[in-house]
Each structure stands twice: as structure tokens, then as C-alpha cells.
Amino acid sequence: MAPAPRLDFDVPVEPRFSPRQREIVSLIASGYSDKQIALTLRVSKRTVRTQLERLYAMNGVHSRAQAVLIWAQAGFV
């Protein structure tokens, strides 16, 4: 079976994640929901959403799936 084609986005991946953003990226890649991330990190769901919005904006993506894909391609997850 041939490997899946690589999907490239013409957006730079921001390598300078804060420690908290790195935690969130890892949890997102592990399939955690916003609520699960909030409970794990002991923050509000709104805080998680704000961090996600910032991460998406930093990387020029609009969805969790796009974010995980480019972070995986860049070796962050």
C-alpha cells in the first residue's frame, strides 16, 4: 500500500510555542477535547479556546485537523 500523499500548507509553522502552548499542542494531538484539556491543565474552557485561537492564528490554520497536520509535518507532535 502506498503512503498517503503529503499535504503541504503554504503557512509557516511557529516554532516558538510557550510551555503552555506546547502542552496544549500535545494534548490536541492526543485527541483531547477542549473540556479535557481544561480539566487536565486546571484552566477554564475559555482559556483553552483563547490559546487555540492564538495557535491557529500563529500558524494560519482554521481547524484542529489542519493544526495537527502541520504540527506533525513540522515534527512538533
PDB file of N, CA and C in Angstrom:
ATOM      1  N   MET A   1       0.846  -1.175   0.000  1.00  0.00           N
ATOM      2  CA  MET A   1       0.000   0.000   0.000  1.00  0.00           C
ATOM      3  C   MET A   1       0.895   1.243   0.000  1.00  0.00           C
ATOM      4  N   ALA A   2       0.603   2.158  -0.868  1.00  0.00           N
ATOM      5  CA  ALA A   2       1.391   3.389  -0.979  1.00  0.00           C
ATOM      6  C   ALA A   2       1.082   4.317   0.191  1.00  0.00           C
ATOM      7  N   PRO A   3       2.077   5.071   0.645  1.00  0.00           N
ATOM      8  CA  PRO A   3       1.822   6.018   1.735  1.00  0.00           C
ATOM      9  C   PRO A   3       0.882   7.125   1.275  1.00  0.00           C
ATOM     10  N   ALA A   4       0.167   7.683   2.224  1.00  0.00           N
ATOM     11  CA  ALA A   4      -0.752   8.782   1.923  1.00  0.00           C
ATOM     12  C   ALA A   4       0.043   9.973   1.405  1.00  0.00           C
ATOM     13  N   PRO A   5      -0.512  10.725   0.474  1.00  0.00           N
ATOM     14  CA  PRO A   5       0.203  11.899  -0.033  1.00  0.00           C
ATOM     15  C   PRO A   5       0.379  12.940   1.065  1.00  0.00           C
ATOM     16  N   ARG A   6       1.482  13.619   1.016  1.00  0.00           N
ATOM     17  CA  ARG A   6       1.763  14.668   1.993  1.00  0.00           C
ATOM     18  C   ARG A   6       0.997  15.922   1.592  1.00  0.00           C
ATOM     19  N   LEU A   7       0.300  16.491   2.547  1.00  0.00           N
ATOM     20  CA  LEU A   7      -0.443  17.726   2.301  1.00  0.00           C
ATOM     21  C   LEU A   7       0.362  18.884   2.856  1.00  0.00           C
ATOM     22  N   ASP A   8       0.768  19.789   2.005  1.00  0.00           N
ATOM     23  CA  ASP A   8       1.549  20.937   2.448  1.00  0.00           C
ATOM     24  C   ASP A   8       0.698  22.191   2.420  1.00  0.00           C
ATOM     25  N   PHE A   9       0.825  22.966   3.469  1.00  0.00           N
ATOM     26  CA  PHE A   9       0.159  24.258   3.538  1.00  0.00           C
ATOM     27  C   PHE A   9       1.228  25.320   3.343  1.00  0.00           C
ATOM     28  N   ASP A  10       0.898  26.377   2.658  1.00  0.00           N
ATOM     29  CA  ASP A  10       1.845  27.464   2.462  1.00  0.00           C
ATOM     30  C   ASP A  10       1.794  28.428   3.632  1.00  0.00           C
ATOM     31  N   VAL A  11       1.969  27.898   4.808  1.00  0.00           N
ATOM     32  CA  VAL A  11       1.977  28.727   6.011  1.00  0.00           C
ATOM     33  C   VAL A  11       3.185  28.331   6.840  1.00  0.00           C
ATOM     34  N   PRO A  12       3.846  29.322   7.417  1.00  0.00           N
ATOM     35  CA  PRO A  12       4.972  28.991   8.277  1.00  0.00           C
ATOM     36  C   PRO A  12       4.467  28.446   9.608  1.00  0.00           C
ATOM     37  N   VAL A  13       5.130  27.436  10.106  1.00  0.00           N
ATOM     38  CA  VAL A  13       4.777  26.898  11.418  1.00  0.00           C
ATOM     39  C   VAL A  13       5.579  27.655  12.454  1.00  0.00           C
ATOM     40  N   GLU A  14       4.901  28.142  13.468  1.00  0.00           N
ATOM     41  CA  GLU A  14       5.546  28.916  14.527  1.00  0.00           C
ATOM     42  C   GLU A  14       6.250  27.972  15.502  1.00  0.00           C
ATOM     43  N   PRO A  15       7.582  27.973  15.509  1.00  0.00           N
ATOM     44  CA  PRO A  15       8.299  27.070  16.403  1.00  0.00           C
ATOM     45  C   PRO A  15       8.442  27.587  17.826  1.00  0.00           C
ATOM     46  N   ARG A  16       8.073  28.803  18.077  1.00  0.00           N
ATOM     47  CA  ARG A  16       8.289  29.398  19.399  1.00  0.00           C
ATOM     48  C   ARG A  16       7.047  29.317  20.268  1.00  0.00           C
ATOM     49  N   PHE A  17       6.608  28.100  20.523  1.00  0.00           N
ATOM     50  CA  PHE A  17       5.468  27.915  21.408  1.00  0.00           C
ATOM     51  C   PHE A  17       5.902  28.166  22.839  1.00  0.00           C
ATOM     52  N   SER A  18       5.000  28.752  23.611  1.00  0.00           N
ATOM     53  CA  SER A  18       5.248  28.881  25.046  1.00  0.00           C
ATOM     54  C   SER A  18       5.128  27.487  25.662  1.00  0.00           C
ATOM     55  N   PRO A  19       5.624  27.301  26.877  1.00  0.00           N
ATOM     56  CA  PRO A  19       5.464  25.989  27.520  1.00  0.00           C
ATOM     57  C   PRO A  19       3.995  25.552  27.585  1.00  0.00           C
ATOM     58  N   ARG A  20       3.092  26.467  27.886  1.00  0.00           N
ATOM     59  CA  ARG A  20       1.671  26.125  27.961  1.00  0.00           C
ATOM     60  C   ARG A  20       1.137  25.751  26.581  1.00  0.00           C
ATOM     61  N   GLN A  21       1.556  26.478  25.557  1.00  0.00           N
ATOM     62  CA  GLN A  21       1.112  26.156  24.203  1.00  0.00           C
ATOM     63  C   GLN A  21       1.622  24.780  23.782  1.00  0.00           C
ATOM     64  N   ARG A  22       2.845  24.439  24.175  1.00  0.00           N
ATOM     65  CA  ARG A  22       3.369  23.108  23.871  1.00  0.00           C
ATOM     66  C   ARG A  22       2.511  22.025  24.522  1.00  0.00           C
ATOM     67  N   GLU A  23       2.087  22.274  25.762  1.00  0.00           N
ATOM     68  CA  GLU A  23       1.206  21.317  26.440  1.00  0.00           C
ATOM     69  C   GLU A  23      -0.100  21.151  25.669  1.00  0.00           C
ATOM     70  N   ILE A  24      -0.673  22.270  25.260  1.00  0.00           N
ATOM     71  CA  ILE A  24      -1.945  22.236  24.541  1.00  0.00           C
ATOM     72  C   ILE A  24      -1.785  21.534  23.202  1.00  0.00           C
ATOM     73  N   VAL A  25      -0.718  21.827  22.479  1.00  0.00           N
ATOM     74  CA  VAL A  25      -0.454  21.162  21.196  1.00  0.00           C
ATOM     75  C   VAL A  25      -0.375  19.647  21.399  1.00  0.00           C
ATOM     76  N   SER A  26       0.333  19.228  22.422  1.00  0.00           N
ATOM     77  CA  SER A  26       0.469  17.800  22.706  1.00  0.00           C
ATOM     78  C   SER A  26      -0.875  17.159  23.025  1.00  0.00           C
ATOM     79  N   LEU A  27      -1.681  17.841  23.832  1.00  0.00           N
ATOM     80  CA  LEU A  27      -2.990  17.298  24.203  1.00  0.00           C
ATOM     81  C   LEU A  27      -3.937  17.253  23.004  1.00  0.00           C
ATOM     82  N   ILE A  28      -3.889  18.282  22.167  1.00  0.00           N
ATOM     83  CA  ILE A  28      -4.718  18.286  20.954  1.00  0.00           C
ATOM     84  C   ILE A  28      -4.327  17.102  20.068  1.00  0.00           C
ATOM     85  N   ALA A  29      -3.043  16.914  19.885  1.00  0.00           N
ATOM     86  CA  ALA A  29      -2.569  15.815  19.041  1.00  0.00           C
ATOM     87  C   ALA A  29      -2.949  14.455  19.616  1.00  0.00           C
ATOM     88  N   SER A  30      -3.137  14.400  20.924  1.00  0.00           N
ATOM     89  CA  SER A  30      -3.553  13.156  21.577  1.00  0.00           C
ATOM     90  C   SER A  30      -5.057  12.949  21.523  1.00  0.00           C
ATOM     91  N   GLY A  31      -5.770  13.915  20.932  1.00  0.00           N
ATOM     92  CA  GLY A  31      -7.207  13.761  20.758  1.00  0.00           C
ATOM     93  C   GLY A  31      -8.067  14.316  21.874  1.00  0.00           C
ATOM     94  N   TYR A  32      -7.480  15.090  22.761  1.00  0.00           N
ATOM     95  CA  TYR A  32      -8.244  15.660  23.869  1.00  0.00           C
ATOM     96  C   TYR A  32      -9.225  16.715  23.364  1.00  0.00           C
ATOM     97  N   SER A  33     -10.378  16.783  23.987  1.00  0.00           N
ATOM     98  CA  SER A  33     -11.359  17.839  23.702  1.00  0.00           C
ATOM     99  C   SER A  33     -10.961  19.090  24.484  1.00  0.00           C
ATOM    100  N   ASP A  34     -11.596  20.205  24.168  1.00  0.00           N
ATOM    101  CA  ASP A  34     -11.330  21.439  24.920  1.00  0.00           C
ATOM    102  C   ASP A  34     -11.598  21.224  26.402  1.00  0.00           C
ATOM    103  N   LYS A  35     -12.690  20.548  26.710  1.00  0.00           N
ATOM    104  CA  LYS A  35     -13.049  20.299  28.110  1.00  0.00           C
ATOM    105  C   LYS A  35     -11.989  19.437  28.796  1.00  0.00           C
ATOM    106  N   GLN A  36     -11.521  18.392  28.120  1.00  0.00           N
ATOM    107  CA  GLN A  36     -10.495  17.528  28.698  1.00  0.00           C
ATOM    108  C   GLN A  36      -9.186  18.291  28.915  1.00  0.00           C
ATOM    109  N   ILE A  37      -8.839  19.151  27.968  1.00  0.00           N
ATOM    110  CA  ILE A  37      -7.628  19.961  28.118  1.00  0.00           C
ATOM    111  C   ILE A  37      -7.776  20.884  29.320  1.00  0.00           C
ATOM    112  N   ALA A  38      -8.926  21.534  29.433  1.00  0.00           N
ATOM    113  CA  ALA A  38      -9.174  22.443  30.559  1.00  0.00           C
ATOM    114  C   ALA A  38      -9.050  21.709  31.888  1.00  0.00           C
ATOM    115  N   LEU A  39      -9.641  20.534  31.987  1.00  0.00           N
ATOM    116  CA  LEU A  39      -9.564  19.761  33.231  1.00  0.00           C
ATOM    117  C   LEU A  39      -8.131  19.326  33.525  1.00  0.00           C
ATOM    118  N   THR A  40      -7.424  18.887  32.501  1.00  0.00           N
ATOM    119  CA  THR A  40      -6.046  18.431  32.671  1.00  0.00           C
ATOM    120  C   THR A  40      -5.130  19.563  33.126  1.00  0.00           C
ATOM    121  N   LEU A  41      -5.304  20.735  32.521  1.00  0.00           N
ATOM    122  CA  LEU A  41      -4.426  21.873  32.827  1.00  0.00           C
ATOM    123  C   LEU A  41      -4.958  22.758  33.952  1.00  0.00           C
ATOM    124  N   ARG A  42      -6.167  22.424  34.424  1.00  0.00           N
ATOM    125  CA  ARG A  42      -6.804  23.184  35.505  1.00  0.00           C
ATOM    126  C   ARG A  42      -6.993  24.654  35.139  1.00  0.00           C
ATOM    127  N   VAL A  43      -7.559  24.835  33.951  1.00  0.00           N
ATOM    128  CA  VAL A  43      -7.915  26.171  33.472  1.00  0.00           C
ATOM    129  C   VAL A  43      -9.340  26.097  32.944  1.00  0.00           C
ATOM    130  N   SER A  44      -9.898  27.246  32.593  1.00  0.00           N
ATOM    131  CA  SER A  44     -11.260  27.254  32.053  1.00  0.00           C
ATOM    132  C   SER A  44     -11.252  26.831  30.583  1.00  0.00           C
ATOM    133  N   LYS A  45     -12.421  26.379  30.119  1.00  0.00           N
ATOM    134  CA  LYS A  45     -12.558  26.049  28.700  1.00  0.00           C
ATOM    135  C   LYS A  45     -12.306  27.283  27.845  1.00  0.00           C
ATOM    136  N   ARG A  46     -12.697  28.440  28.341  1.00  0.00           N
ATOM    137  CA  ARG A  46     -12.485  29.692  27.597  1.00  0.00           C
ATOM    138  C   ARG A  46     -10.989  29.961  27.421  1.00  0.00           C
ATOM    139  N   THR A  47     -10.203  29.684  28.452  1.00  0.00           N
ATOM    140  CA  THR A  47      -8.751  29.857  28.353  1.00  0.00           C
ATOM    141  C   THR A  47      -8.183  28.940  27.279  1.00  0.00           C
ATOM    142  N   VAL A  48      -8.662  27.715  27.247  1.00  0.00           N
ATOM    143  CA  VAL A  48      -8.219  26.769  26.217  1.00  0.00           C
ATOM    144  C   VAL A  48      -8.587  27.300  24.839  1.00  0.00           C
ATOM    145  N   ARG A  49      -9.825  27.761  24.664  1.00  0.00           N
ATOM    146  CA  ARG A  49     -10.269  28.291  23.369  1.00  0.00           C
ATOM    147  C   ARG A  49      -9.402  29.480  22.945  1.00  0.00           C
ATOM    148  N   THR A  50      -9.088  30.366  23.884  1.00  0.00           N
ATOM    149  CA  THR A  50      -8.247  31.525  23.578  1.00  0.00           C
ATOM    150  C   THR A  50      -6.870  31.070  23.102  1.00  0.00           C
ATOM    151  N   GLN A  51      -6.284  30.108  23.804  1.00  0.00           N
ATOM    152  CA  GLN A  51      -4.972  29.592  23.401  1.00  0.00           C
ATOM    153  C   GLN A  51      -5.044  28.944  22.019  1.00  0.00           C
ATOM    154  N   LEU A  52      -6.117  28.184  21.768  1.00  0.00           N
ATOM    155  CA  LEU A  52      -6.276  27.555  20.455  1.00  0.00           C
ATOM    156  C   LEU A  52      -6.395  28.599  19.354  1.00  0.00           C
ATOM    157  N   GLU A  53      -7.178  29.637  19.600  1.00  0.00           N
ATOM    158  CA  GLU A  53      -7.323  30.703  18.608  1.00  0.00           C
ATOM    159  C   GLU A  53      -5.972  31.333  18.298  1.00  0.00           C
ATOM    160  N   ARG A  54      -5.164  31.553  19.328  1.00  0.00           N
ATOM    161  CA  ARG A  54      -3.830  32.132  19.126  1.00  0.00           C
ATOM    162  C   ARG A  54      -2.933  31.182  18.342  1.00  0.00           C
ATOM    163  N   LEU A  55      -2.976  29.896  18.707  1.00  0.00           N
ATOM    164  CA  LEU A  55      -2.168  28.906  17.994  1.00  0.00           C
ATOM    165  C   LEU A  55      -2.573  28.818  16.525  1.00  0.00           C
ATOM    166  N   TYR A  56      -3.879  28.807  16.267  1.00  0.00           N
ATOM    167  CA  TYR A  56      -4.361  28.748  14.883  1.00  0.00           C
ATOM    168  C   TYR A  56      -3.894  29.985  14.110  1.00  0.00           C
ATOM    169  N   ALA A  57      -4.036  31.152  14.712  1.00  0.00           N
ATOM    170  CA  ALA A  57      -3.636  32.396  14.049  1.00  0.00           C
ATOM    171  C   ALA A  57      -2.130  32.410  13.774  1.00  0.00           C
ATOM    172  N   MET A  58      -1.340  31.938  14.737  1.00  0.00           N
ATOM    173  CA  MET A  58       0.114  31.904  14.571  1.00  0.00           C
ATOM    174  C   MET A  58       0.522  31.032  13.390  1.00  0.00           C
ATOM    175  N   ASN A  59      -0.286  30.031  13.105  1.00  0.00           N
ATOM    176  CA  ASN A  59       0.066  29.055  12.084  1.00  0.00           C
ATOM    177  C   ASN A  59      -0.800  29.127  10.839  1.00  0.00           C
ATOM    178  N   GLY A  60      -1.698  30.103  10.785  1.00  0.00           N
ATOM    179  CA  GLY A  60      -2.510  30.299   9.596  1.00  0.00           C
ATOM    180  C   GLY A  60      -3.466  29.168   9.283  1.00  0.00           C
ATOM    181  N   VAL A  61      -3.972  28.516  10.314  1.00  0.00           N
ATOM    182  CA  VAL A  61      -4.923  27.417  10.118  1.00  0.00           C
ATOM    183  C   VAL A  61      -6.260  27.786  10.743  1.00  0.00           C
ATOM    184  N   HIS A  62      -7.282  27.010  10.377  1.00  0.00           N
ATOM    185  CA  HIS A  62      -8.627  27.326  10.852  1.00  0.00           C
ATOM    186  C   HIS A  62      -9.313  26.164  11.545  1.00  0.00           C
ATOM    187  N   SER A  63      -8.613  25.052  11.672  1.00  0.00           N
ATOM    188  CA  SER A  63      -9.238  23.903  12.318  1.00  0.00           C
ATOM    189  C   SER A  63      -8.208  23.094  13.087  1.00  0.00           C
ATOM    190  N   ARG A  64      -8.718  22.308  13.999  1.00  0.00           N
ATOM    191  CA  ARG A  64      -7.896  21.402  14.796  1.00  0.00           C
ATOM    192  C   ARG A  64      -7.150  20.422  13.871  1.00  0.00           C
ATOM    193  N   ALA A  65      -7.859  19.888  12.882  1.00  0.00           N
ATOM    194  CA  ALA A  65      -7.250  18.914  11.969  1.00  0.00           C
ATOM    195  C   ALA A  65      -6.090  19.535  11.189  1.00  0.00           C
ATOM    196  N   GLN A  66      -6.283  20.730  10.658  1.00  0.00           N
ATOM    197  CA  GLN A  66      -5.200  21.416   9.938  1.00  0.00           C
ATOM    198  C   GLN A  66      -4.021  21.647  10.872  1.00  0.00           C
ATOM    199  N   ALA A  67      -4.305  22.095  12.085  1.00  0.00           N
ATOM    200  CA  ALA A  67      -3.243  22.393  13.044  1.00  0.00           C
ATOM    201  C   ALA A  67      -2.420  21.147  13.346  1.00  0.00           C
ATOM    202  N   VAL A  68      -3.086  20.056  13.673  1.00  0.00           N
ATOM    203  CA  VAL A  68      -2.365  18.820  13.996  1.00  0.00           C
ATOM    204  C   VAL A  68      -1.553  18.346  12.795  1.00  0.00           C
ATOM    205  N   LEU A  69      -2.115  18.459  11.604  1.00  0.00           N
ATOM    206  CA  LEU A  69      -1.411  18.031  10.396  1.00  0.00           C
ATOM    207  C   LEU A  69      -0.108  18.807  10.205  1.00  0.00           C
ATOM    208  N   ILE A  70      -0.163  20.116  10.270  1.00  0.00           N
ATOM    209  CA  ILE A  70       1.074  20.881  10.037  1.00  0.00           C
ATOM    210  C   ILE A  70       2.045  20.742  11.202  1.00  0.00           C
ATOM    211  N   TRP A  71       1.532  20.608  12.431  1.00  0.00           N
ATOM    212  CA  TRP A  71       2.440  20.409  13.566  1.00  0.00           C
ATOM    213  C   TRP A  71       3.135  19.054  13.454  1.00  0.00           C
ATOM    214  N   ALA A  72       2.410  18.056  12.992  1.00  0.00           N
ATOM    215  CA  ALA A  72       3.013  16.730  12.802  1.00  0.00           C
ATOM    216  C   ALA A  72       4.058  16.782  11.690  1.00  0.00           C
ATOM    217  N   GLN A  73       3.736  17.443  10.578  1.00  0.00           N
ATOM    218  CA  GLN A  73       4.685  17.552   9.466  1.00  0.00           C
ATOM    219  C   GLN A  73       5.940  18.304   9.885  1.00  0.00           C
ATOM    220  N   ALA A  74       5.788  19.257  10.798  1.00  0.00           N
ATOM    221  CA  ALA A  74       6.927  20.050  11.256  1.00  0.00           C
ATOM    222  C   ALA A  74       7.687  19.364  12.391  1.00  0.00           C
ATOM    223  N   GLY A  75       7.162  18.227  12.863  1.00  0.00           N
ATOM    224  CA  GLY A  75       7.850  17.483  13.913  1.00  0.00           C
ATOM    225  C   GLY A  75       7.548  17.931  15.326  1.00  0.00           C
ATOM    226  N   PHE A  76       6.493  18.721  15.505  1.00  0.00           N
ATOM    227  CA  PHE A  76       6.151  19.193  16.844  1.00  0.00           C
ATOM    228  C   PHE A  76       5.344  18.178  17.633  1.00  0.00           C
ATOM    229  N   VAL A  77       4.698  17.251  16.937  1.00  0.00           N
ATOM    230  CA  VAL A  77       3.907  16.211  17.620  1.00  0.00           C
ATOM    231  C   VAL A  77       4.254  14.865  17.037  1.00  0.00           C
TER     232      VAL A  77
END
